[in-house]
Each structure stands twice: as C-alpha cells, then as structure tokens.
Amino acid sequence: MSMRKASVLDMATAAYELDAAVKRGVLVRVEGRLTIMGEDLDSVLKRFEGQEIVIIAASLNDDRPVDPRVCRTCGREYFGLECPHCREARMRLRGR
C-alpha cells in the first residue's frame, strides 16, 4: 500500500473516531446526483444541515509520492500523521 493511501486511511480512521460521517467507495453520478456505493451524498450530509462543517475528499488511487515529515519533538523523519517513535513513547509513558 502506498504511503499516500495509508495516510488517507489514517485520516479517515481519525475522522471516524470523532463520529464524523466517513464513506469509502467510488464516487459516481446517478441521475444527476452524486452517490458513493449507492448511497446519495445528500443523505450522508443531512445530519450536518445548519452546522459549520469541513469536507475532505481524497483519492485512494493517487500514487504520487509522499514527502517525509520531520518530527518537531525528536527530529526523526516519518510518514503519516504523527511520528511513530514519539507516539510509541507517549503510549508507553501513559501505561497503555
């Protein structure tokens, strides 16, 4: 799996844990309406009507390389949303 795809899926997991609406599938237009896996996007977004929201759409088919990040805490290069070394240290120090 590419680093970009893994990062997108990590982002989706984080959104899911925040009880956000997360849908995965092919975006298609059916009779003028956008659907994902046969579900109309209006029905997905209806629960957020009248609220300020952020919509993130990212392709899982994008194969562009992802540049590594440098951790501001330990200085190591990493891929993804957070430094795995520092995350492991936080978890260990918190007793998990």
C-alpha atoms as a PDB file:
ATOM      1  CA  MET A   1       0.000   0.000   0.000  1.00  0.00           C
ATOM      2  CA  SER A   2       1.325   3.445  -0.868  1.00  0.00           C
ATOM      3  CA  MET A   3       2.173   5.918   1.883  1.00  0.00           C
ATOM      4  CA  ARG A   4      -0.387   8.348   0.470  1.00  0.00           C
ATOM      5  CA  LYS A   5      -3.163   5.755   0.613  1.00  0.00           C
ATOM      6  CA  ALA A   6      -2.150   4.739   4.132  1.00  0.00           C
ATOM      7  CA  SER A   7      -2.186   8.395   5.234  1.00  0.00           C
ATOM      8  CA  VAL A   8      -5.641   8.927   3.739  1.00  0.00           C
ATOM      9  CA  LEU A   9      -6.950   5.853   5.534  1.00  0.00           C
ATOM     10  CA  ASP A  10      -5.366   7.048   8.808  1.00  0.00           C
ATOM     11  CA  MET A  11      -7.149  10.370   8.334  1.00  0.00           C
ATOM     12  CA  ALA A  12     -10.444   8.556   7.719  1.00  0.00           C
ATOM     13  CA  THR A  13      -9.918   6.478  10.869  1.00  0.00           C
ATOM     14  CA  ALA A  14      -9.304   9.635  12.909  1.00  0.00           C
ATOM     15  CA  ALA A  15     -12.490  11.189  11.481  1.00  0.00           C
ATOM     16  CA  TYR A  16     -14.463   8.021  12.226  1.00  0.00           C
ATOM     17  CA  GLU A  17     -13.255   8.103  15.841  1.00  0.00           C
ATOM     18  CA  LEU A  18     -14.650  11.664  16.077  1.00  0.00           C
ATOM     19  CA  ASP A  19     -18.059  10.309  14.995  1.00  0.00           C
ATOM     20  CA  ALA A  20     -17.776  12.046  11.620  1.00  0.00           C
ATOM     21  CA  ALA A  21     -19.511  10.782   8.502  1.00  0.00           C
ATOM     22  CA  VAL A  22     -16.933   8.623   6.730  1.00  0.00           C
ATOM     23  CA  LYS A  23     -17.736   6.952   3.432  1.00  0.00           C
ATOM     24  CA  ARG A  24     -15.417   4.946   1.227  1.00  0.00           C
ATOM     25  CA  GLY A  25     -16.181   3.921  -2.299  1.00  0.00           C
ATOM     26  CA  VAL A  26     -16.321   5.084  -5.870  1.00  0.00           C
ATOM     27  CA  LEU A  27     -17.977   8.484  -6.370  1.00  0.00           C
ATOM     28  CA  VAL A  28     -20.468   8.300  -9.246  1.00  0.00           C
ATOM     29  CA  ARG A  29     -23.237  10.482 -10.611  1.00  0.00           C
ATOM     30  CA  VAL A  30     -26.608   8.739 -10.913  1.00  0.00           C
ATOM     31  CA  GLU A  31     -29.457  10.715 -12.475  1.00  0.00           C
ATOM     32  CA  GLY A  32     -27.665  13.974 -11.677  1.00  0.00           C
ATOM     33  CA  ARG A  33     -26.973  13.108  -8.011  1.00  0.00           C
ATOM     34  CA  LEU A  34     -23.608  12.127  -6.535  1.00  0.00           C
ATOM     35  CA  THR A  35     -23.510   8.762  -4.784  1.00  0.00           C
ATOM     36  CA  ILE A  36     -20.913   6.629  -3.013  1.00  0.00           C
ATOM     37  CA  MET A  37     -21.535   2.897  -3.006  1.00  0.00           C
ATOM     38  CA  GLY A  38     -25.159   3.561  -3.978  1.00  0.00           C
ATOM     39  CA  GLU A  39     -25.792   5.999  -1.085  1.00  0.00           C
ATOM     40  CA  ASP A  40     -26.816   9.538  -2.017  1.00  0.00           C
ATOM     41  CA  LEU A  41     -24.459  12.188  -0.609  1.00  0.00           C
ATOM     42  CA  ASP A  42     -27.452  14.293   0.447  1.00  0.00           C
ATOM     43  CA  SER A  43     -28.474  11.560   2.876  1.00  0.00           C
ATOM     44  CA  VAL A  44     -24.915  11.323   4.223  1.00  0.00           C
ATOM     45  CA  LEU A  45     -24.675  15.084   4.812  1.00  0.00           C
ATOM     46  CA  LYS A  46     -28.260  15.626   6.040  1.00  0.00           C
ATOM     47  CA  ARG A  47     -27.326  15.149   9.710  1.00  0.00           C
ATOM     48  CA  PHE A  48     -24.960  18.143   9.451  1.00  0.00           C
ATOM     49  CA  GLU A  49     -27.500  20.543   7.944  1.00  0.00           C
ATOM     50  CA  GLY A  50     -27.302  24.007   9.518  1.00  0.00           C
ATOM     51  CA  GLN A  51     -23.880  23.314  11.066  1.00  0.00           C
ATOM     52  CA  GLU A  52     -20.456  24.566  10.032  1.00  0.00           C
ATOM     53  CA  ILE A  53     -18.580  21.566   8.579  1.00  0.00           C
ATOM     54  CA  VAL A  54     -15.360  20.555   6.857  1.00  0.00           C
ATOM     55  CA  ILE A  55     -15.483  18.143   3.925  1.00  0.00           C
ATOM     56  CA  ILE A  56     -12.313  16.271   2.974  1.00  0.00           C
ATOM     57  CA  ALA A  57     -12.195  14.230  -0.208  1.00  0.00           C
ATOM     58  CA  ALA A  58      -9.039  12.290  -1.030  1.00  0.00           C
ATOM     59  CA  SER A  59      -8.441   9.751  -3.782  1.00  0.00           C
ATOM     60  CA  LEU A  60      -7.118   6.324  -2.808  1.00  0.00           C
ATOM     61  CA  ASN A  61      -5.915   5.894  -6.407  1.00  0.00           C
ATOM     62  CA  ASP A  62      -3.397   8.771  -6.229  1.00  0.00           C
ATOM     63  CA  ASP A  63       0.116   7.277  -6.480  1.00  0.00           C
ATOM     64  CA  ARG A  64       2.165  10.470  -6.090  1.00  0.00           C
ATOM     65  CA  PRO A  65       4.997  10.018  -3.591  1.00  0.00           C
ATOM     66  CA  VAL A  66       4.575  11.461  -0.109  1.00  0.00           C
ATOM     67  CA  ASP A  67       7.411  13.546   1.262  1.00  0.00           C
ATOM     68  CA  PRO A  68       8.599  12.563   4.732  1.00  0.00           C
ATOM     69  CA  ARG A  69       7.948  14.920   7.615  1.00  0.00           C
ATOM     70  CA  VAL A  70      10.422  15.846  10.340  1.00  0.00           C
ATOM     71  CA  CYS A  71       9.183  15.462  13.903  1.00  0.00           C
ATOM     72  CA  ARG A  72       9.385  18.715  15.850  1.00  0.00           C
ATOM     73  CA  THR A  73       9.959  16.771  19.066  1.00  0.00           C
ATOM     74  CA  CYS A  74      12.609  14.172  18.254  1.00  0.00           C
ATOM     75  CA  GLY A  75      13.850  15.304  14.832  1.00  0.00           C
ATOM     76  CA  ARG A  76      13.259  11.956  13.101  1.00  0.00           C
ATOM     77  CA  GLU A  77      11.760  11.715   9.629  1.00  0.00           C
ATOM     78  CA  TYR A  78       8.426   9.885   9.388  1.00  0.00           C
ATOM     79  CA  PHE A  79       5.472   9.308   7.087  1.00  0.00           C
ATOM     80  CA  GLY A  80       1.853   9.700   8.091  1.00  0.00           C
ATOM     81  CA  LEU A  81       0.002  11.900  10.544  1.00  0.00           C
ATOM     82  CA  GLU A  82       2.281  11.579  13.570  1.00  0.00           C
ATOM     83  CA  CYS A  83       5.774  10.446  14.466  1.00  0.00           C
ATOM     84  CA  PRO A  84       5.570   6.727  15.308  1.00  0.00           C
ATOM     85  CA  HIS A  85       8.557   6.962  17.676  1.00  0.00           C
ATOM     86  CA  CYS A  86       7.012   9.760  19.743  1.00  0.00           C
ATOM     87  CA  ARG A  87       3.569   8.116  19.619  1.00  0.00           C
ATOM     88  CA  GLU A  88       5.029   4.887  20.974  1.00  0.00           C
ATOM     89  CA  ALA A  89       6.841   6.810  23.735  1.00  0.00           C
ATOM     90  CA  ARG A  90       3.614   8.652  24.698  1.00  0.00           C
ATOM     91  CA  MET A  91       1.678   5.405  24.848  1.00  0.00           C
ATOM     92  CA  ARG A  92       4.384   3.731  26.911  1.00  0.00           C
ATOM     93  CA  LEU A  93       4.575   6.650  29.356  1.00  0.00           C
ATOM     94  CA  ARG A  94       0.785   6.670  29.741  1.00  0.00           C
ATOM     95  CA  GLY A  95       0.814   2.954  30.574  1.00  0.00           C
ATOM     96  CA  ARG A  96      -1.091   1.711  27.530  1.00  0.00           C
END
